[in-house]
Amino acid sequence: RGWSTRPAQLARALARRGLYTTIL
């Protein structure tokens, strides 16, 4: 889906803001 889900979009945005994000 090209990372189109809400969790994926928020996780990617947090990473762009500087957080290291681990998705389980």
PDB file of all heavy atoms in Angstrom:
ATOM      1  N   ARG A   1       0.797  -1.220   0.000  1.00  0.00           N
ATOM      2  CA  ARG A   1       0.000   0.000   0.000  1.00  0.00           C
ATOM      3  C   ARG A   1       0.835   1.278   0.000  1.00  0.00           C
ATOM      4  O   ARG A   1       0.294   2.372   0.119  1.00  0.00           O
ATOM      5  CB  ARG A   1      -0.921   0.018   1.232  1.00  0.00           C
ATOM      6  CG  ARG A   1      -1.889  -1.148   1.283  1.00  0.00           C
ATOM      7  CD  ARG A   1      -2.799  -1.027   2.491  1.00  0.00           C
ATOM      8  NE  ARG A   1      -3.693  -2.166   2.604  1.00  0.00           N
ATOM      9  CZ  ARG A   1      -4.586  -2.305   3.587  1.00  0.00           C
ATOM     10  NH1 ARG A   1      -4.683  -1.369   4.531  1.00  0.00           N
ATOM     11  NH2 ARG A   1      -5.374  -3.363   3.637  1.00  0.00           N
ATOM     12  N   GLY A   2       2.141   1.125  -0.119  1.00  0.00           N
ATOM     13  CA  GLY A   2       2.962   2.331  -0.153  1.00  0.00           C
ATOM     14  C   GLY A   2       2.959   3.100   1.152  1.00  0.00           C
ATOM     15  O   GLY A   2       2.969   4.329   1.158  1.00  0.00           O
ATOM     16  N   TRP A   3       2.927   2.387   2.277  1.00  0.00           N
ATOM     17  CA  TRP A   3       2.953   3.020   3.610  1.00  0.00           C
ATOM     18  C   TRP A   3       1.767   3.978   3.810  1.00  0.00           C
ATOM     19  O   TRP A   3       1.885   5.009   4.433  1.00  0.00           O
ATOM     20  CB  TRP A   3       4.269   3.786   3.829  1.00  0.00           C
ATOM     21  CG  TRP A   3       5.475   2.931   3.936  1.00  0.00           C
ATOM     22  CD1 TRP A   3       6.187   2.386   2.893  1.00  0.00           C
ATOM     23  CD2 TRP A   3       6.121   2.477   5.122  1.00  0.00           C
ATOM     24  NE1 TRP A   3       7.235   1.639   3.385  1.00  0.00           N
ATOM     25  CE2 TRP A   3       7.229   1.679   4.737  1.00  0.00           C
ATOM     26  CE3 TRP A   3       5.892   2.695   6.478  1.00  0.00           C
ATOM     27  CZ2 TRP A   3       8.080   1.096   5.652  1.00  0.00           C
ATOM     28  CZ3 TRP A   3       6.742   2.104   7.394  1.00  0.00           C
ATOM     29  CH2 TRP A   3       7.816   1.311   6.975  1.00  0.00           C
ATOM     30  N   SER A   4       0.602   3.627   3.283  1.00  0.00           N
ATOM     31  CA  SER A   4      -0.517   4.566   3.305  1.00  0.00           C
ATOM     32  C   SER A   4      -1.396   4.457   4.550  1.00  0.00           C
ATOM     33  O   SER A   4      -2.358   5.215   4.683  1.00  0.00           O
ATOM     34  CB  SER A   4      -1.392   4.357   2.059  1.00  0.00           C
ATOM     35  OG  SER A   4      -1.959   3.050   2.056  1.00  0.00           O
ATOM     36  N   THR A   5      -1.142   3.511   5.463  1.00  0.00           N
ATOM     37  CA  THR A   5      -1.966   3.390   6.659  1.00  0.00           C
ATOM     38  C   THR A   5      -1.626   4.490   7.669  1.00  0.00           C
ATOM     39  O   THR A   5      -0.538   5.067   7.638  1.00  0.00           O
ATOM     40  CB  THR A   5      -1.770   2.017   7.320  1.00  0.00           C
ATOM     41  OG1 THR A   5      -0.409   1.912   7.767  1.00  0.00           O
ATOM     42  CG2 THR A   5      -2.068   0.887   6.345  1.00  0.00           C
ATOM     43  N   ARG A   6      -2.549   4.751   8.581  1.00  0.00           N
ATOM     44  CA  ARG A   6      -2.323   5.778   9.599  1.00  0.00           C
ATOM     45  C   ARG A   6      -1.078   5.481  10.444  1.00  0.00           C
ATOM     46  O   ARG A   6      -0.241   6.381  10.628  1.00  0.00           O
ATOM     47  CB  ARG A   6      -3.564   5.904  10.490  1.00  0.00           C
ATOM     48  CG  ARG A   6      -3.378   6.810  11.730  1.00  0.00           C
ATOM     49  CD  ARG A   6      -4.662   6.830  12.541  1.00  0.00           C
ATOM     50  NE  ARG A   6      -4.491   7.444  13.852  1.00  0.00           N
ATOM     51  CZ  ARG A   6      -4.715   8.725  14.130  1.00  0.00           C
ATOM     52  NH1 ARG A   6      -5.098   9.543  13.158  1.00  0.00           N
ATOM     53  NH2 ARG A   6      -4.566   9.186  15.355  1.00  0.00           N
ATOM     54  N   PRO A   7      -0.904   4.263  11.002  1.00  0.00           N
ATOM     55  CA  PRO A   7       0.310   4.026  11.796  1.00  0.00           C
ATOM     56  C   PRO A   7       1.587   4.258  10.995  1.00  0.00           C
ATOM     57  O   PRO A   7       2.548   4.840  11.506  1.00  0.00           O
ATOM     58  CB  PRO A   7       0.169   2.561  12.223  1.00  0.00           C
ATOM     59  CG  PRO A   7      -1.294   2.287  12.186  1.00  0.00           C
ATOM     60  CD  PRO A   7      -1.806   3.088  11.038  1.00  0.00           C
ATOM     61  N   ALA A   8       1.608   3.799   9.733  1.00  0.00           N
ATOM     62  CA  ALA A   8       2.812   3.974   8.919  1.00  0.00           C
ATOM     63  C   ALA A   8       3.077   5.445   8.632  1.00  0.00           C
ATOM     64  O   ALA A   8       4.226   5.903   8.697  1.00  0.00           O
ATOM     65  CB  ALA A   8       2.682   3.187   7.614  1.00  0.00           C
ATOM     66  N   GLN A   9       2.033   6.199   8.318  1.00  0.00           N
ATOM     67  CA  GLN A   9       2.220   7.618   8.014  1.00  0.00           C
ATOM     68  C   GLN A   9       2.703   8.384   9.247  1.00  0.00           C
ATOM     69  O   GLN A   9       3.615   9.222   9.145  1.00  0.00           O
ATOM     70  CB  GLN A   9       0.912   8.225   7.496  1.00  0.00           C
ATOM     71  CG  GLN A   9       0.511   7.780   6.111  1.00  0.00           C
ATOM     72  CD  GLN A   9       1.365   8.405   5.017  1.00  0.00           C
ATOM     73  OE1 GLN A   9       2.342   9.093   5.268  1.00  0.00           O
ATOM     74  NE2 GLN A   9       1.002   8.147   3.766  1.00  0.00           N
ATOM     75  N   LEU A  10       2.136   8.106  10.408  1.00  0.00           N
ATOM     76  CA  LEU A  10       2.581   8.791  11.621  1.00  0.00           C
ATOM     77  C   LEU A  10       4.002   8.375  11.995  1.00  0.00           C
ATOM     78  O   LEU A  10       4.817   9.211  12.402  1.00  0.00           O
ATOM     79  CB  LEU A  10       1.627   8.491  12.777  1.00  0.00           C
ATOM     80  CG  LEU A  10       0.373   9.365  12.857  1.00  0.00           C
ATOM     81  CD1 LEU A  10      -0.579   8.839  13.917  1.00  0.00           C
ATOM     82  CD2 LEU A  10       0.719  10.822  13.137  1.00  0.00           C
ATOM     83  N   ALA A  11       4.313   7.083  11.848  1.00  0.00           N
ATOM     84  CA  ALA A  11       5.659   6.610  12.167  1.00  0.00           C
ATOM     85  C   ALA A  11       6.691   7.285  11.266  1.00  0.00           C
ATOM     86  O   ALA A  11       7.753   7.718  11.723  1.00  0.00           O
ATOM     87  CB  ALA A  11       5.729   5.086  12.023  1.00  0.00           C
ATOM     88  N   ARG A  12       6.393   7.383   9.991  1.00  0.00           N
ATOM     89  CA  ARG A  12       7.324   8.020   9.054  1.00  0.00           C
ATOM     90  C   ARG A  12       7.470   9.510   9.360  1.00  0.00           C
ATOM     91  O   ARG A  12       8.569  10.069   9.280  1.00  0.00           O
ATOM     92  CB  ARG A  12       6.846   7.831   7.615  1.00  0.00           C
ATOM     93  CG  ARG A  12       6.842   6.391   7.153  1.00  0.00           C
ATOM     94  CD  ARG A  12       6.333   6.269   5.743  1.00  0.00           C
ATOM     95  NE  ARG A  12       7.379   6.570   4.777  1.00  0.00           N
ATOM     96  CZ  ARG A  12       7.144   6.814   3.488  1.00  0.00           C
ATOM     97  NH1 ARG A  12       5.899   6.818   3.040  1.00  0.00           N
ATOM     98  NH2 ARG A  12       8.141   7.049   2.656  1.00  0.00           N
ATOM     99  N   ALA A  13       6.360  10.151   9.708  1.00  0.00           N
ATOM    100  CA  ALA A  13       6.435  11.576  10.036  1.00  0.00           C
ATOM    101  C   ALA A  13       7.244  11.802  11.304  1.00  0.00           C
ATOM    102  O   ALA A  13       8.023  12.762  11.397  1.00  0.00           O
ATOM    103  CB  ALA A  13       5.026  12.155  10.181  1.00  0.00           C
ATOM    104  N   LEU A  14       7.091  10.938  12.302  1.00  0.00           N
ATOM    105  CA  LEU A  14       7.898  11.052  13.518  1.00  0.00           C
ATOM    106  C   LEU A  14       9.381  10.874  13.201  1.00  0.00           C
ATOM    107  O   LEU A  14      10.235  11.569  13.758  1.00  0.00           O
ATOM    108  CB  LEU A  14       7.448  10.019  14.548  1.00  0.00           C
ATOM    109  CG  LEU A  14       6.098  10.256  15.229  1.00  0.00           C
ATOM    110  CD1 LEU A  14       5.770   9.094  16.152  1.00  0.00           C
ATOM    111  CD2 LEU A  14       6.084  11.557  16.002  1.00  0.00           C
ATOM    112  N   ALA A  15       9.684   9.929  12.301  1.00  0.00           N
ATOM    113  CA  ALA A  15      11.079   9.723  11.917  1.00  0.00           C
ATOM    114  C   ALA A  15      11.641  10.966  11.228  1.00  0.00           C
ATOM    115  O   ALA A  15      12.791  11.347  11.459  1.00  0.00           O
ATOM    116  CB  ALA A  15      11.195   8.503  11.007  1.00  0.00           C
ATOM    117  N   ARG A  16      10.827  11.602  10.384  1.00  0.00           N
ATOM    118  CA  ARG A  16      11.285  12.838   9.735  1.00  0.00           C
ATOM    119  C   ARG A  16      11.517  13.949  10.750  1.00  0.00           C
ATOM    120  O   ARG A  16      12.327  14.847  10.533  1.00  0.00           O
ATOM    121  CB  ARG A  16      10.267  13.291   8.693  1.00  0.00           C
ATOM    122  CG  ARG A  16      10.222  12.437   7.445  1.00  0.00           C
ATOM    123  CD  ARG A  16       9.463  13.110   6.321  1.00  0.00           C
ATOM    124  NE  ARG A  16       8.063  13.319   6.615  1.00  0.00           N
ATOM    125  CZ  ARG A  16       7.099  12.436   6.356  1.00  0.00           C
ATOM    126  NH1 ARG A  16       7.395  11.269   5.803  1.00  0.00           N
ATOM    127  NH2 ARG A  16       5.839  12.710   6.642  1.00  0.00           N
ATOM    128  N   ARG A  17      10.812  13.897  11.859  1.00  0.00           N
ATOM    129  CA  ARG A  17      10.984  14.903  12.901  1.00  0.00           C
ATOM    130  C   ARG A  17      12.167  14.579  13.815  1.00  0.00           C
ATOM    131  O   ARG A  17      12.447  15.316  14.734  1.00  0.00           O
ATOM    132  CB  ARG A  17       9.703  15.024  13.744  1.00  0.00           C
ATOM    133  CG  ARG A  17       8.483  15.449  12.952  1.00  0.00           C
ATOM    134  CD  ARG A  17       8.368  16.958  12.795  1.00  0.00           C
ATOM    135  NE  ARG A  17       9.396  17.590  12.011  1.00  0.00           N
ATOM    136  CZ  ARG A  17       9.426  17.605  10.673  1.00  0.00           C
ATOM    137  NH1 ARG A  17       8.489  17.007   9.990  1.00  0.00           N
ATOM    138  NH2 ARG A  17      10.381  18.215  10.029  1.00  0.00           N
ATOM    139  N   GLY A  18      12.822  13.444  13.606  1.00  0.00           N
ATOM    140  CA  GLY A  18      14.052  13.155  14.325  1.00  0.00           C
ATOM    141  C   GLY A  18      14.009  11.974  15.257  1.00  0.00           C
ATOM    142  O   GLY A  18      15.035  11.617  15.836  1.00  0.00           O
ATOM    143  N   LEU A  19      12.868  11.335  15.457  1.00  0.00           N
ATOM    144  CA  LEU A  19      12.800  10.190  16.356  1.00  0.00           C
ATOM    145  C   LEU A  19      13.205   8.916  15.633  1.00  0.00           C
ATOM    146  O   LEU A  19      12.878   8.730  14.459  1.00  0.00           O
ATOM    147  CB  LEU A  19      11.387  10.011  16.918  1.00  0.00           C
ATOM    148  CG  LEU A  19      11.117  10.718  18.246  1.00  0.00           C
ATOM    149  CD1 LEU A  19      10.990  12.210  18.007  1.00  0.00           C
ATOM    150  CD2 LEU A  19       9.853  10.179  18.890  1.00  0.00           C
ATOM    151  N   TYR A  20      13.921   8.060  16.352  1.00  0.00           N
ATOM    152  CA  TYR A  20      14.184   6.721  15.855  1.00  0.00           C
ATOM    153  C   TYR A  20      12.934   5.897  16.146  1.00  0.00           C
ATOM    154  O   TYR A  20      12.497   5.781  17.297  1.00  0.00           O
ATOM    155  CB  TYR A  20      15.402   6.108  16.539  1.00  0.00           C
ATOM    156  CG  TYR A  20      15.837   4.812  15.915  1.00  0.00           C
ATOM    157  CD1 TYR A  20      16.828   4.779  14.939  1.00  0.00           C
ATOM    158  CD2 TYR A  20      15.232   3.613  16.284  1.00  0.00           C
ATOM    159  CE1 TYR A  20      17.215   3.587  14.347  1.00  0.00           C
ATOM    160  CE2 TYR A  20      15.613   2.422  15.696  1.00  0.00           C
ATOM    161  CZ  TYR A  20      16.605   2.413  14.727  1.00  0.00           C
ATOM    162  OH  TYR A  20      16.966   1.228  14.145  1.00  0.00           O
ATOM    163  N   THR A  21      12.330   5.320  15.103  1.00  0.00           N
ATOM    164  CA  THR A  21      11.050   4.634  15.237  1.00  0.00           C
ATOM    165  C   THR A  21      11.208   3.149  14.941  1.00  0.00           C
ATOM    166  O   THR A  21      11.684   2.775  13.870  1.00  0.00           O
ATOM    167  CB  THR A  21      10.008   5.244  14.270  1.00  0.00           C
ATOM    168  OG1 THR A  21       9.864   6.635  14.558  1.00  0.00           O
ATOM    169  CG2 THR A  21       8.666   4.555  14.421  1.00  0.00           C
ATOM    170  N   THR A  22      10.815   2.318  15.890  1.00  0.00           N
ATOM    171  CA  THR A  22      10.775   0.875  15.681  1.00  0.00           C
ATOM    172  C   THR A  22       9.320   0.461  15.551  1.00  0.00           C
ATOM    173  O   THR A  22       8.502   0.775  16.413  1.00  0.00           O
ATOM    174  CB  THR A  22      11.429   0.123  16.850  1.00  0.00           C
ATOM    175  OG1 THR A  22      12.795   0.532  16.973  1.00  0.00           O
ATOM    176  CG2 THR A  22      11.382  -1.372  16.613  1.00  0.00           C
ATOM    177  N   ILE A  23       8.999  -0.223  14.464  1.00  0.00           N
ATOM    178  CA  ILE A  23       7.642  -0.721  14.236  1.00  0.00           C
ATOM    179  C   ILE A  23       7.631  -2.216  14.526  1.00  0.00           C
ATOM    180  O   ILE A  23       8.396  -2.977  13.921  1.00  0.00           O
ATOM    181  CB  ILE A  23       7.186  -0.455  12.790  1.00  0.00           C
ATOM    182  CG1 ILE A  23       7.159   1.051  12.514  1.00  0.00           C
ATOM    183  CG2 ILE A  23       5.809  -1.064  12.544  1.00  0.00           C
ATOM    184  CD1 ILE A  23       6.842   1.403  11.068  1.00  0.00           C
ATOM    185  N   LEU A  24       6.785  -2.635  15.450  1.00  0.00           N
ATOM    186  CA  LEU A  24       6.627  -4.039  15.803  1.00  0.00           C
ATOM    187  C   LEU A  24       5.289  -4.510  15.260  1.00  0.00           C
ATOM    188  O   LEU A  24       4.236  -4.041  15.703  1.00  0.00           O
ATOM    189  CB  LEU A  24       6.694  -4.229  17.323  1.00  0.00           C
ATOM    190  CG  LEU A  24       6.476  -5.651  17.844  1.00  0.00           C
ATOM    191  CD1 LEU A  24       7.569  -6.591  17.351  1.00  0.00           C
ATOM    192  CD2 LEU A  24       6.416  -5.646  19.374  1.00  0.00           C
TER     193      LEU A  24
END
